[in-house]
């Protein structure tokens, strides 16, 4: 049809024949650091797990095992969702962004979630100054320890009696062996020089 229009032919329908049905949102997933002025992130893509489901589409140019280099645009994928309404599309996009896993690189996934969940975006009150007005400076949320981890730590303090022997490296006379690789807390590896 585009070729016919370019050739000057008329469309086989009028504007009155067209009606809006549903809502779609597209997010461009980039290997970039939104907290550092959107500086591109380069390096290997260790693993990707793309979201999937009804009304979810991923057009990816980068997959597990690829490398993002300085020689090309760091866009990883276009993530598109479709739903019957804008609020449903926003919820679906938030779900899809949360499900998208990209290991090995800094990405803009959390930034995109913050954009689509911002009240101004939800209300459709955005313009080209949206990021400057609402999301500058942007910092990713700090991951908190889950309650279960705190409970386990507290219980381990209660259940492991003080003074109970622990694994440690000792020399021939029973004292701590300062030269043992097992006393080190750095990146010691067997078979590597100390």
Foldseek 3Di string as FASTA:
>chain_A
DVVCVVVVHDDPDDPVVDDDFWDKDKDWKFLFDLLVVRHHKWFAFQAKDFDDDPQKDKAAPDGHGDTGDPPDGRTGIMIMGIDRYLVVNLVVLLVRLVRIDTPDGHMCSQVVNCVSPDPCNSVVNDDPCRCVVPPPNHDGDDDDDDPVVVVVVVVVVVPDDPPPDDDADADPVRHHDPPDPRVDDDDDDPPDDD
